[in-house]
Amino acid sequence: MNTLTRLLAPAALVVASLLPAGAAPIPLDAISGYMNGMRTAESKFTQVNADGTISTGTLYIKRPGRMRFEYDPPEQALVIAGGGAVAIFDPKSNGGPETYGLDRTPLKLILDDNMDLGRANMVTDHREEGPSTVLRAQDPEHPEYGHIELVYTGGAGAPVELRQWVVTDEAGSQTTVILGDLRTDVSLGDSMFSIRRESQRRGGD
């Protein structure tokens, strides 16, 4: 059994016990309502990178538009979404962070102030998969930017909960993020999501 299988097998057993097999997919309006009600959140995560390597850390979300990935040692990388951009801080680099426009990444879809899954051409797949609901979403105006596949549990009287996502970027590269226990309504300061502040702290401009 490889490392990834060992990591995922216990989580799969837990998720499989949450809902009976054959449950209908969670309705899109229920998922939209759940996401729009989530203003702040915190969770441990396991990240499976495109090259098969695995990272762990803590994720912070502050909607709209803000997200922070803090990676566990020995990694020292940091990813911040804020101010309409996504910045990757790599301590091995002598320059500033690698920066992208948030609106060019599929993460924008879950960080929007109003996530409306009923928009035409936004959801391209919505299915029940064992005990989970899986949906694939894209920017209807820019499908070329890639898509995000979101995995939820709940429904049928149980609370909806985001458990995992897979981002496929415009180059076709995939990154999977598997969440631990997601705590919502946590207190998170705005400075955590300031790319400029983090750059200054690291000695940049």
N, C-alpha and C. Protein backbone atom coordinates (compact mmCIF):
# COMPACT_ATOMS: atom_id res chain seq x y z
N MET A 1 0.86 -1.20 0.00
CA MET A 1 0.00 0.00 0.00
C MET A 1 0.89 1.24 0.00
N ASN A 2 0.70 2.15 -0.98
CA ASN A 2 1.56 3.33 -1.05
C ASN A 2 1.13 4.39 -0.05
N THR A 3 1.95 5.46 0.05
CA THR A 3 1.70 6.49 1.06
C THR A 3 0.36 7.16 0.87
N LEU A 4 0.01 7.47 -0.38
CA LEU A 4 -1.26 8.15 -0.63
C LEU A 4 -2.43 7.27 -0.24
N THR A 5 -2.36 5.97 -0.55
CA THR A 5 -3.44 5.05 -0.20
C THR A 5 -3.61 4.98 1.31
N ARG A 6 -2.51 4.93 2.04
CA ARG A 6 -2.59 4.88 3.50
C ARG A 6 -3.23 6.13 4.06
N LEU A 7 -2.94 7.28 3.44
CA LEU A 7 -3.52 8.54 3.92
C LEU A 7 -5.01 8.61 3.67
N LEU A 8 -5.43 8.15 2.50
CA LEU A 8 -6.81 8.34 2.09
C LEU A 8 -7.74 7.25 2.57
N ALA A 9 -7.25 6.05 2.80
CA ALA A 9 -8.14 4.95 3.15
C ALA A 9 -8.93 5.20 4.43
N PRO A 10 -8.31 5.66 5.55
CA PRO A 10 -9.10 5.92 6.75
C PRO A 10 -10.15 7.00 6.52
N ALA A 11 -9.80 8.06 5.79
CA ALA A 11 -10.77 9.13 5.52
C ALA A 11 -11.94 8.60 4.71
N ALA A 12 -11.66 7.73 3.75
CA ALA A 12 -12.72 7.18 2.92
C ALA A 12 -13.68 6.35 3.76
N LEU A 13 -13.16 5.60 4.73
CA LEU A 13 -14.02 4.80 5.60
C LEU A 13 -14.93 5.67 6.43
N VAL A 14 -14.40 6.79 6.94
CA VAL A 14 -15.21 7.70 7.75
C VAL A 14 -16.31 8.32 6.91
N VAL A 15 -15.95 8.84 5.73
CA VAL A 15 -16.94 9.48 4.87
C VAL A 15 -18.01 8.50 4.45
N ALA A 16 -17.62 7.25 4.16
CA ALA A 16 -18.58 6.26 3.70
C ALA A 16 -19.63 5.94 4.74
N SER A 17 -19.33 6.17 6.01
CA SER A 17 -20.29 5.86 7.07
C SER A 17 -21.29 6.98 7.31
N LEU A 18 -21.10 8.13 6.65
CA LEU A 18 -21.93 9.28 6.96
C LEU A 18 -23.29 9.24 6.31
N LEU A 19 -23.40 8.64 5.13
CA LEU A 19 -24.66 8.59 4.40
C LEU A 19 -24.90 7.19 3.86
N PRO A 20 -26.16 6.78 3.74
CA PRO A 20 -26.43 5.49 3.13
C PRO A 20 -26.09 5.51 1.65
N ALA A 21 -25.68 4.35 1.13
CA ALA A 21 -25.39 4.27 -0.30
C ALA A 21 -26.64 4.56 -1.10
N GLY A 22 -26.46 5.19 -2.24
CA GLY A 22 -27.60 5.47 -3.11
C GLY A 22 -28.33 6.74 -2.79
N ALA A 23 -27.81 7.55 -1.85
CA ALA A 23 -28.46 8.82 -1.53
C ALA A 23 -28.41 9.74 -2.74
N ALA A 24 -29.43 10.57 -2.91
CA ALA A 24 -29.47 11.51 -4.03
C ALA A 24 -28.45 12.60 -3.81
N PRO A 25 -27.94 13.22 -4.88
CA PRO A 25 -26.99 14.33 -4.72
C PRO A 25 -27.63 15.48 -3.94
N ILE A 26 -26.80 16.17 -3.20
CA ILE A 26 -27.28 17.36 -2.49
C ILE A 26 -27.68 18.41 -3.53
N PRO A 27 -28.86 19.02 -3.42
CA PRO A 27 -29.29 20.01 -4.43
C PRO A 27 -28.32 21.18 -4.51
N LEU A 28 -28.18 21.73 -5.70
CA LEU A 28 -27.25 22.84 -5.91
C LEU A 28 -27.60 24.05 -5.06
N ASP A 29 -28.89 24.33 -4.86
CA ASP A 29 -29.25 25.49 -4.05
C ASP A 29 -28.85 25.30 -2.59
N ALA A 30 -28.87 24.05 -2.11
CA ALA A 30 -28.44 23.77 -0.74
C ALA A 30 -26.93 23.97 -0.60
N ILE A 31 -26.18 23.56 -1.62
CA ILE A 31 -24.73 23.75 -1.58
C ILE A 31 -24.40 25.24 -1.66
N SER A 32 -25.08 25.97 -2.55
CA SER A 32 -24.86 27.42 -2.64
C SER A 32 -25.14 28.09 -1.30
N GLY A 33 -26.25 27.70 -0.66
CA GLY A 33 -26.60 28.28 0.63
C GLY A 33 -25.57 27.98 1.69
N TYR A 34 -25.05 26.76 1.71
CA TYR A 34 -24.01 26.38 2.66
C TYR A 34 -22.75 27.20 2.44
N MET A 35 -22.31 27.32 1.20
CA MET A 35 -21.08 28.06 0.91
C MET A 35 -21.25 29.55 1.24
N ASN A 36 -22.40 30.11 0.90
CA ASN A 36 -22.61 31.54 1.16
C ASN A 36 -22.76 31.84 2.64
N GLY A 37 -23.15 30.82 3.42
CA GLY A 37 -23.22 31.00 4.87
C GLY A 37 -21.88 30.86 5.56
N MET A 38 -20.89 30.34 4.83
CA MET A 38 -19.55 30.16 5.38
C MET A 38 -18.74 31.43 5.14
N ARG A 39 -18.59 32.25 6.15
CA ARG A 39 -17.82 33.47 5.99
C ARG A 39 -16.36 33.25 6.39
N THR A 40 -16.12 32.47 7.43
CA THR A 40 -14.75 32.13 7.82
C THR A 40 -14.69 30.64 8.13
N ALA A 41 -13.51 30.06 7.91
CA ALA A 41 -13.33 28.64 8.19
C ALA A 41 -11.86 28.33 8.38
N GLU A 42 -11.60 27.23 9.08
CA GLU A 42 -10.23 26.77 9.34
C GLU A 42 -10.23 25.26 9.33
N SER A 43 -9.20 24.67 8.74
CA SER A 43 -9.11 23.21 8.68
C SER A 43 -7.67 22.78 8.45
N LYS A 44 -7.31 21.64 9.01
CA LYS A 44 -6.10 20.96 8.57
C LYS A 44 -6.36 20.41 7.18
N PHE A 45 -5.31 20.28 6.38
CA PHE A 45 -5.51 19.74 5.03
C PHE A 45 -4.34 18.87 4.62
N THR A 46 -4.63 17.98 3.68
CA THR A 46 -3.61 17.20 2.98
C THR A 46 -3.70 17.56 1.51
N GLN A 47 -2.58 17.92 0.93
CA GLN A 47 -2.56 18.35 -0.47
C GLN A 47 -1.77 17.35 -1.30
N VAL A 48 -2.40 16.87 -2.37
CA VAL A 48 -1.74 15.98 -3.32
C VAL A 48 -1.41 16.82 -4.54
N ASN A 49 -0.13 17.01 -4.79
CA ASN A 49 0.31 17.88 -5.87
C ASN A 49 0.33 17.16 -7.21
N ALA A 50 0.47 17.92 -8.27
CA ALA A 50 0.42 17.36 -9.62
C ALA A 50 1.51 16.32 -9.86
N ASP A 51 2.64 16.46 -9.17
CA ASP A 51 3.75 15.51 -9.36
C ASP A 51 3.65 14.31 -8.43
N GLY A 52 2.54 14.22 -7.65
CA GLY A 52 2.34 13.09 -6.76
C GLY A 52 2.87 13.29 -5.35
N THR A 53 3.60 14.38 -5.11
CA THR A 53 4.08 14.65 -3.76
C THR A 53 2.93 15.09 -2.86
N ILE A 54 3.12 14.92 -1.57
CA ILE A 54 2.06 15.20 -0.59
C ILE A 54 2.55 16.24 0.41
N SER A 55 1.71 17.22 0.67
CA SER A 55 1.99 18.25 1.67
C SER A 55 0.84 18.30 2.66
N THR A 56 1.11 18.79 3.86
CA THR A 56 0.07 18.99 4.86
C THR A 56 0.19 20.40 5.43
N GLY A 57 -0.86 20.85 6.08
CA GLY A 57 -0.82 22.18 6.68
C GLY A 57 -2.17 22.59 7.21
N THR A 58 -2.34 23.89 7.37
CA THR A 58 -3.59 24.46 7.88
C THR A 58 -4.11 25.47 6.87
N LEU A 59 -5.40 25.38 6.59
CA LEU A 59 -6.07 26.26 5.65
C LEU A 59 -6.97 27.23 6.39
N TYR A 60 -6.94 28.49 5.96
CA TYR A 60 -7.84 29.51 6.51
C TYR A 60 -8.61 30.15 5.36
N ILE A 61 -9.91 30.32 5.53
CA ILE A 61 -10.77 30.93 4.52
C ILE A 61 -11.51 32.10 5.15
N LYS A 62 -11.51 33.21 4.43
CA LYS A 62 -12.32 34.35 4.84
C LYS A 62 -12.99 34.91 3.59
N ARG A 63 -14.24 34.55 3.40
CA ARG A 63 -14.96 34.98 2.22
C ARG A 63 -15.56 36.37 2.46
N PRO A 64 -15.57 37.19 1.39
CA PRO A 64 -15.16 36.86 0.02
C PRO A 64 -13.68 37.10 -0.23
N GLY A 65 -13.13 36.28 -1.11
CA GLY A 65 -11.86 36.57 -1.75
C GLY A 65 -10.58 36.27 -1.02
N ARG A 66 -10.65 35.62 0.16
CA ARG A 66 -9.41 35.45 0.92
C ARG A 66 -9.22 34.01 1.37
N MET A 67 -7.98 33.54 1.24
CA MET A 67 -7.62 32.18 1.62
C MET A 67 -6.13 32.15 1.95
N ARG A 68 -5.75 31.28 2.86
CA ARG A 68 -4.34 31.18 3.26
C ARG A 68 -4.00 29.71 3.52
N PHE A 69 -2.94 29.22 2.84
CA PHE A 69 -2.43 27.87 3.05
C PHE A 69 -1.10 27.99 3.79
N GLU A 70 -1.06 27.54 5.03
CA GLU A 70 0.19 27.48 5.80
C GLU A 70 0.65 26.03 5.82
N TYR A 71 1.83 25.77 5.26
CA TYR A 71 2.32 24.39 5.16
C TYR A 71 3.15 24.00 6.37
N ASP A 72 3.03 22.73 6.75
CA ASP A 72 3.76 22.22 7.90
C ASP A 72 5.25 22.08 7.57
N PRO A 73 6.12 22.22 8.59
CA PRO A 73 7.54 21.95 8.39
C PRO A 73 7.74 20.51 7.93
N PRO A 74 8.77 20.24 7.14
CA PRO A 74 9.89 21.14 6.81
C PRO A 74 9.59 22.15 5.70
N GLU A 75 8.41 22.06 5.09
CA GLU A 75 8.08 23.05 4.06
C GLU A 75 7.93 24.43 4.69
N GLN A 76 8.36 25.43 3.95
CA GLN A 76 8.24 26.81 4.43
C GLN A 76 7.46 27.69 3.45
N ALA A 77 6.82 27.04 2.48
CA ALA A 77 6.04 27.80 1.51
C ALA A 77 4.76 28.31 2.14
N LEU A 78 4.19 29.33 1.54
CA LEU A 78 2.95 29.93 2.00
C LEU A 78 2.19 30.42 0.77
N VAL A 79 0.90 30.18 0.74
CA VAL A 79 0.05 30.66 -0.35
C VAL A 79 -1.04 31.53 0.25
N ILE A 80 -1.19 32.74 -0.29
CA ILE A 80 -2.21 33.68 0.19
C ILE A 80 -3.04 34.15 -1.00
N ALA A 81 -4.34 34.10 -0.83
CA ALA A 81 -5.27 34.75 -1.76
C ALA A 81 -5.86 35.95 -1.04
N GLY A 82 -5.75 37.11 -1.66
CA GLY A 82 -6.27 38.33 -1.06
C GLY A 82 -6.04 39.50 -1.99
N GLY A 83 -6.90 40.50 -1.91
CA GLY A 83 -6.75 41.67 -2.75
C GLY A 83 -6.86 41.38 -4.23
N GLY A 84 -7.63 40.32 -4.58
CA GLY A 84 -7.81 39.98 -5.98
C GLY A 84 -6.67 39.22 -6.61
N ALA A 85 -5.72 38.74 -5.79
CA ALA A 85 -4.55 38.02 -6.32
C ALA A 85 -4.28 36.77 -5.49
N VAL A 86 -3.50 35.87 -6.07
CA VAL A 86 -2.99 34.70 -5.36
C VAL A 86 -1.47 34.79 -5.41
N ALA A 87 -0.82 34.72 -4.24
CA ALA A 87 0.63 34.83 -4.16
C ALA A 87 1.22 33.58 -3.54
N ILE A 88 2.27 33.06 -4.17
CA ILE A 88 2.99 31.88 -3.66
C ILE A 88 4.34 32.35 -3.15
N PHE A 89 4.54 32.23 -1.84
CA PHE A 89 5.81 32.62 -1.22
C PHE A 89 6.68 31.38 -1.08
N ASP A 90 7.80 31.39 -1.77
CA ASP A 90 8.73 30.27 -1.74
C ASP A 90 10.04 30.76 -1.12
N PRO A 91 10.41 30.26 0.05
CA PRO A 91 11.64 30.75 0.70
C PRO A 91 12.90 30.43 -0.09
N LYS A 92 12.81 29.50 -1.06
CA LYS A 92 13.98 29.17 -1.87
C LYS A 92 14.23 30.22 -2.95
N SER A 93 13.24 31.08 -3.17
CA SER A 93 13.36 32.11 -4.21
C SER A 93 13.94 33.38 -3.62
N ASN A 94 14.82 34.02 -4.36
CA ASN A 94 15.41 35.28 -3.90
C ASN A 94 14.53 36.48 -4.23
N GLY A 95 13.58 36.29 -5.11
CA GLY A 95 12.69 37.39 -5.50
C GLY A 95 11.44 37.42 -4.65
N GLY A 96 10.47 38.21 -5.11
CA GLY A 96 9.20 38.29 -4.41
C GLY A 96 8.33 37.09 -4.72
N PRO A 97 7.09 37.11 -4.25
CA PRO A 97 6.20 35.97 -4.47
C PRO A 97 5.79 35.86 -5.93
N GLU A 98 5.47 34.64 -6.33
CA GLU A 98 4.88 34.40 -7.65
C GLU A 98 3.40 34.73 -7.53
N THR A 99 2.91 35.62 -8.38
CA THR A 99 1.56 36.16 -8.19
C THR A 99 0.70 35.95 -9.44
N TYR A 100 -0.57 35.61 -9.18
CA TYR A 100 -1.55 35.41 -10.24
C TYR A 100 -2.82 36.18 -9.89
N GLY A 101 -3.61 36.50 -10.88
CA GLY A 101 -4.91 37.09 -10.63
C GLY A 101 -5.87 36.03 -10.11
N LEU A 102 -6.56 36.31 -9.02
CA LEU A 102 -7.50 35.34 -8.45
C LEU A 102 -8.58 34.97 -9.46
N ASP A 103 -9.00 35.93 -10.27
CA ASP A 103 -10.08 35.66 -11.22
C ASP A 103 -9.65 34.72 -12.34
N ARG A 104 -8.36 34.39 -12.42
CA ARG A 104 -7.88 33.44 -13.43
C ARG A 104 -7.70 32.04 -12.85
N THR A 105 -8.10 31.82 -11.61
CA THR A 105 -7.98 30.52 -10.98
C THR A 105 -9.37 30.01 -10.58
N PRO A 106 -9.58 28.70 -10.62
CA PRO A 106 -10.88 28.15 -10.21
C PRO A 106 -11.23 28.39 -8.75
N LEU A 107 -10.23 28.72 -7.90
CA LEU A 107 -10.52 29.01 -6.50
C LEU A 107 -11.46 30.20 -6.35
N LYS A 108 -11.47 31.07 -7.34
CA LYS A 108 -12.35 32.24 -7.30
C LYS A 108 -13.80 31.82 -7.10
N LEU A 109 -14.18 30.67 -7.65
CA LEU A 109 -15.57 30.25 -7.61
C LEU A 109 -16.06 30.01 -6.18
N ILE A 110 -15.18 29.49 -5.32
CA ILE A 110 -15.61 29.23 -3.93
C ILE A 110 -15.34 30.42 -3.02
N LEU A 111 -14.61 31.41 -3.52
CA LEU A 111 -14.32 32.59 -2.71
C LEU A 111 -15.20 33.78 -3.07
N ASP A 112 -16.03 33.64 -4.11
CA ASP A 112 -16.96 34.72 -4.47
C ASP A 112 -17.88 35.05 -3.30
N ASP A 113 -18.27 36.31 -3.21
CA ASP A 113 -19.19 36.73 -2.16
C ASP A 113 -20.51 35.99 -2.27
N ASN A 114 -20.98 35.78 -3.50
CA ASN A 114 -22.22 35.05 -3.73
C ASN A 114 -21.94 33.92 -4.70
N MET A 115 -21.87 32.71 -4.18
CA MET A 115 -21.65 31.53 -5.02
C MET A 115 -23.00 31.06 -5.53
N ASP A 116 -23.25 31.26 -6.80
CA ASP A 116 -24.54 30.92 -7.41
C ASP A 116 -24.32 29.77 -8.40
N LEU A 117 -24.56 28.55 -7.92
CA LEU A 117 -24.34 27.37 -8.75
C LEU A 117 -25.43 27.19 -9.80
N GLY A 118 -26.46 28.03 -9.73
CA GLY A 118 -27.52 27.96 -10.73
C GLY A 118 -27.23 28.74 -11.99
N ARG A 119 -26.11 29.45 -12.04
CA ARG A 119 -25.76 30.22 -13.24
C ARG A 119 -25.57 29.29 -14.44
N ALA A 120 -26.01 29.75 -15.58
CA ALA A 120 -25.88 28.95 -16.80
C ALA A 120 -24.42 28.62 -17.08
N ASN A 121 -24.16 27.36 -17.39
CA ASN A 121 -22.84 26.87 -17.79
C ASN A 121 -21.79 26.92 -16.69
N MET A 122 -22.22 27.12 -15.43
CA MET A 122 -21.25 27.12 -14.34
C MET A 122 -20.97 25.69 -13.86
N VAL A 123 -22.02 24.92 -13.62
CA VAL A 123 -21.87 23.54 -13.16
C VAL A 123 -21.92 22.62 -14.38
N THR A 124 -20.85 21.87 -14.57
CA THR A 124 -20.79 20.97 -15.73
C THR A 124 -20.98 19.51 -15.35
N ASP A 125 -21.00 19.21 -14.06
CA ASP A 125 -21.27 17.85 -13.58
C ASP A 125 -21.78 17.95 -12.15
N HIS A 126 -22.77 17.12 -11.82
CA HIS A 126 -23.38 17.13 -10.49
C HIS A 126 -23.91 15.73 -10.26
N ARG A 127 -23.24 14.99 -9.36
CA ARG A 127 -23.60 13.58 -9.23
C ARG A 127 -23.43 13.09 -7.79
N GLU A 128 -24.12 11.99 -7.52
CA GLU A 128 -23.92 11.26 -6.27
C GLU A 128 -22.84 10.22 -6.51
N GLU A 129 -21.88 10.16 -5.61
CA GLU A 129 -20.79 9.19 -5.73
C GLU A 129 -20.60 8.54 -4.37
N GLY A 130 -21.22 7.37 -4.19
CA GLY A 130 -21.22 6.74 -2.88
C GLY A 130 -21.96 7.62 -1.89
N PRO A 131 -21.32 7.93 -0.76
CA PRO A 131 -21.98 8.78 0.24
C PRO A 131 -21.79 10.27 0.00
N SER A 132 -21.15 10.63 -1.10
CA SER A 132 -20.78 12.02 -1.33
C SER A 132 -21.49 12.60 -2.54
N THR A 133 -21.55 13.93 -2.56
CA THR A 133 -22.00 14.66 -3.74
C THR A 133 -20.78 15.32 -4.37
N VAL A 134 -20.62 15.12 -5.67
CA VAL A 134 -19.50 15.69 -6.41
C VAL A 134 -20.05 16.64 -7.46
N LEU A 135 -19.49 17.85 -7.50
CA LEU A 135 -19.88 18.75 -8.58
C LEU A 135 -18.64 19.40 -9.17
N ARG A 136 -18.72 19.64 -10.46
CA ARG A 136 -17.64 20.30 -11.18
C ARG A 136 -18.13 21.66 -11.64
N ALA A 137 -17.36 22.70 -11.34
CA ALA A 137 -17.78 24.06 -11.67
C ALA A 137 -16.66 24.79 -12.39
N GLN A 138 -17.06 25.75 -13.21
CA GLN A 138 -16.12 26.57 -13.97
C GLN A 138 -16.66 27.99 -14.04
N ASP A 139 -15.78 28.91 -14.40
CA ASP A 139 -16.23 30.27 -14.67
C ASP A 139 -16.97 30.23 -16.00
N PRO A 140 -18.28 30.52 -16.01
CA PRO A 140 -19.04 30.42 -17.26
C PRO A 140 -18.50 31.31 -18.37
N GLU A 141 -17.88 32.43 -17.99
CA GLU A 141 -17.37 33.36 -18.99
C GLU A 141 -15.95 33.00 -19.44
N HIS A 142 -15.25 32.20 -18.63
CA HIS A 142 -13.86 31.84 -18.98
C HIS A 142 -13.59 30.38 -18.64
N PRO A 143 -14.23 29.45 -19.32
CA PRO A 143 -13.97 28.03 -19.04
C PRO A 143 -12.51 27.63 -19.29
N GLU A 144 -11.81 28.43 -20.09
CA GLU A 144 -10.41 28.11 -20.38
C GLU A 144 -9.51 28.27 -19.16
N TYR A 145 -10.00 28.90 -18.10
CA TYR A 145 -9.20 29.07 -16.89
C TYR A 145 -9.11 27.79 -16.06
N GLY A 146 -9.85 26.75 -16.46
CA GLY A 146 -9.84 25.51 -15.70
C GLY A 146 -11.13 25.31 -14.93
N HIS A 147 -11.14 24.34 -14.05
CA HIS A 147 -12.35 24.06 -13.27
C HIS A 147 -11.98 23.51 -11.90
N ILE A 148 -12.99 23.44 -11.04
CA ILE A 148 -12.80 22.89 -9.70
C ILE A 148 -13.86 21.83 -9.47
N GLU A 149 -13.44 20.69 -8.93
CA GLU A 149 -14.37 19.62 -8.58
C GLU A 149 -14.46 19.57 -7.06
N LEU A 150 -15.67 19.79 -6.55
CA LEU A 150 -15.91 19.90 -5.11
C LEU A 150 -16.62 18.65 -4.61
N VAL A 151 -16.23 18.18 -3.43
CA VAL A 151 -16.83 17.00 -2.83
C VAL A 151 -17.47 17.40 -1.50
N TYR A 152 -18.75 17.06 -1.37
CA TYR A 152 -19.51 17.39 -0.16
C TYR A 152 -20.13 16.13 0.43
N THR A 153 -20.31 16.14 1.74
CA THR A 153 -21.14 15.14 2.40
C THR A 153 -22.33 15.86 3.04
N GLY A 154 -23.32 15.08 3.44
CA GLY A 154 -24.50 15.66 4.08
C GLY A 154 -25.73 15.48 3.22
N GLY A 155 -26.73 16.30 3.50
CA GLY A 155 -28.01 16.18 2.82
C GLY A 155 -28.90 15.18 3.52
N ALA A 156 -30.14 15.07 3.08
CA ALA A 156 -31.13 14.15 3.67
C ALA A 156 -31.23 14.37 5.18
N GLY A 157 -31.22 15.63 5.59
CA GLY A 157 -31.34 15.97 7.01
C GLY A 157 -30.02 16.17 7.72
N ALA A 158 -28.92 15.74 7.11
CA ALA A 158 -27.60 15.93 7.73
C ALA A 158 -26.97 17.22 7.23
N PRO A 159 -26.15 17.88 8.05
CA PRO A 159 -25.52 19.13 7.62
C PRO A 159 -24.61 18.93 6.41
N VAL A 160 -24.65 19.88 5.50
CA VAL A 160 -23.74 19.86 4.35
C VAL A 160 -22.35 20.25 4.82
N GLU A 161 -21.34 19.56 4.30
CA GLU A 161 -19.96 19.89 4.67
C GLU A 161 -19.04 19.68 3.48
N LEU A 162 -18.18 20.66 3.25
CA LEU A 162 -17.16 20.55 2.21
C LEU A 162 -16.03 19.66 2.71
N ARG A 163 -15.67 18.64 1.90
CA ARG A 163 -14.67 17.68 2.34
C ARG A 163 -13.39 17.69 1.49
N GLN A 164 -13.51 18.11 0.24
CA GLN A 164 -12.36 17.99 -0.66
C GLN A 164 -12.61 18.81 -1.91
N TRP A 165 -11.51 19.23 -2.56
CA TRP A 165 -11.64 19.78 -3.92
C TRP A 165 -10.42 19.40 -4.74
N VAL A 166 -10.64 19.40 -6.05
CA VAL A 166 -9.57 19.17 -7.02
C VAL A 166 -9.60 20.32 -8.00
N VAL A 167 -8.52 21.07 -8.06
CA VAL A 167 -8.40 22.19 -8.99
C VAL A 167 -7.63 21.71 -10.23
N THR A 168 -8.22 21.94 -11.39
CA THR A 168 -7.53 21.71 -12.66
C THR A 168 -7.31 23.07 -13.30
N ASP A 169 -6.05 23.48 -13.43
CA ASP A 169 -5.77 24.83 -13.92
C ASP A 169 -5.81 24.87 -15.44
N GLU A 170 -5.52 26.04 -16.00
CA GLU A 170 -5.65 26.23 -17.44
C GLU A 170 -4.65 25.41 -18.24
N ALA A 171 -3.60 24.92 -17.58
CA ALA A 171 -2.62 24.07 -18.25
C ALA A 171 -2.95 22.59 -18.10
N GLY A 172 -4.03 22.28 -17.35
CA GLY A 172 -4.42 20.89 -17.15
C GLY A 172 -3.81 20.24 -15.94
N SER A 173 -3.01 20.98 -15.17
CA SER A 173 -2.38 20.44 -13.96
C SER A 173 -3.40 20.36 -12.83
N GLN A 174 -3.38 19.27 -12.06
CA GLN A 174 -4.36 19.05 -11.00
C GLN A 174 -3.72 19.09 -9.62
N THR A 175 -4.42 19.72 -8.68
CA THR A 175 -4.02 19.74 -7.28
C THR A 175 -5.23 19.37 -6.43
N THR A 176 -5.07 18.38 -5.56
CA THR A 176 -6.15 17.91 -4.71
C THR A 176 -5.93 18.39 -3.28
N VAL A 177 -6.97 18.93 -2.66
CA VAL A 177 -6.92 19.35 -1.26
C VAL A 177 -7.99 18.58 -0.49
N ILE A 178 -7.55 17.78 0.48
CA ILE A 178 -8.45 16.98 1.31
C ILE A 178 -8.52 17.63 2.69
N LEU A 179 -9.71 17.99 3.13
CA LEU A 179 -9.88 18.73 4.37
C LEU A 179 -10.06 17.79 5.55
N GLY A 180 -9.61 18.27 6.72
CA GLY A 180 -9.89 17.58 7.97
C GLY A 180 -11.21 18.11 8.52
N ASP A 181 -11.31 18.25 9.83
CA ASP A 181 -12.51 18.82 10.44
C ASP A 181 -12.55 20.31 10.14
N LEU A 182 -13.57 20.73 9.40
CA LEU A 182 -13.70 22.12 8.99
C LEU A 182 -14.45 22.89 10.06
N ARG A 183 -13.76 23.84 10.71
CA ARG A 183 -14.40 24.70 11.72
C ARG A 183 -14.80 26.01 11.07
N THR A 184 -16.05 26.39 11.24
CA THR A 184 -16.54 27.62 10.64
C THR A 184 -16.79 28.68 11.72
N ASP A 185 -17.03 29.91 11.26
CA ASP A 185 -17.28 31.05 12.16
C ASP A 185 -16.14 31.25 13.15
N VAL A 186 -14.91 31.14 12.64
CA VAL A 186 -13.73 31.39 13.47
C VAL A 186 -13.27 32.83 13.27
N SER A 187 -12.55 33.35 14.23
CA SER A 187 -12.07 34.73 14.16
C SER A 187 -10.73 34.78 13.41
N LEU A 188 -10.72 35.49 12.28
CA LEU A 188 -9.51 35.58 11.46
C LEU A 188 -9.27 37.04 11.11
N GLY A 189 -8.09 37.53 11.40
CA GLY A 189 -7.75 38.92 11.11
C GLY A 189 -7.48 39.14 9.63
N ASP A 190 -7.79 40.33 9.14
CA ASP A 190 -7.56 40.65 7.73
C ASP A 190 -6.09 40.59 7.35
N SER A 191 -5.20 40.87 8.31
CA SER A 191 -3.77 40.91 8.00
C SER A 191 -3.23 39.54 7.56
N MET A 192 -3.92 38.47 7.95
CA MET A 192 -3.49 37.14 7.54
C MET A 192 -3.53 36.96 6.03
N PHE A 193 -4.34 37.77 5.36
CA PHE A 193 -4.58 37.61 3.93
C PHE A 193 -4.00 38.76 3.12
N SER A 194 -3.08 39.52 3.73
CA SER A 194 -2.47 40.65 3.06
C SER A 194 -1.16 40.21 2.40
N ILE A 195 -1.15 40.18 1.08
CA ILE A 195 0.06 39.81 0.35
C ILE A 195 1.16 40.84 0.58
N ARG A 196 0.78 42.10 0.57
CA ARG A 196 1.76 43.16 0.77
C ARG A 196 2.40 43.07 2.15
N ARG A 197 1.60 42.83 3.16
CA ARG A 197 2.13 42.74 4.52
C ARG A 197 3.11 41.57 4.64
N GLU A 198 2.75 40.44 4.04
CA GLU A 198 3.62 39.28 4.10
C GLU A 198 4.93 39.55 3.34
N SER A 199 4.85 40.23 2.22
CA SER A 199 6.05 40.58 1.46
C SER A 199 6.97 41.49 2.28
N GLN A 200 6.39 42.47 2.97
CA GLN A 200 7.17 43.36 3.81
C GLN A 200 7.81 42.59 4.97
N ARG A 201 7.07 41.66 5.54
CA ARG A 201 7.59 40.88 6.65
C ARG A 201 8.79 40.04 6.22
N ARG A 202 8.79 39.62 4.98
CA ARG A 202 9.88 38.83 4.44
C ARG A 202 11.00 39.67 3.85
N GLY A 203 10.89 40.99 4.01
CA GLY A 203 11.96 41.86 3.54
C GLY A 203 11.79 42.37 2.15
N GLY A 204 10.60 42.19 1.54
CA GLY A 204 10.37 42.70 0.20
C GLY A 204 9.84 44.11 0.25
N ASP A 205 9.46 44.63 -0.92
CA ASP A 205 8.95 46.00 -1.00
C ASP A 205 7.52 46.07 -0.48
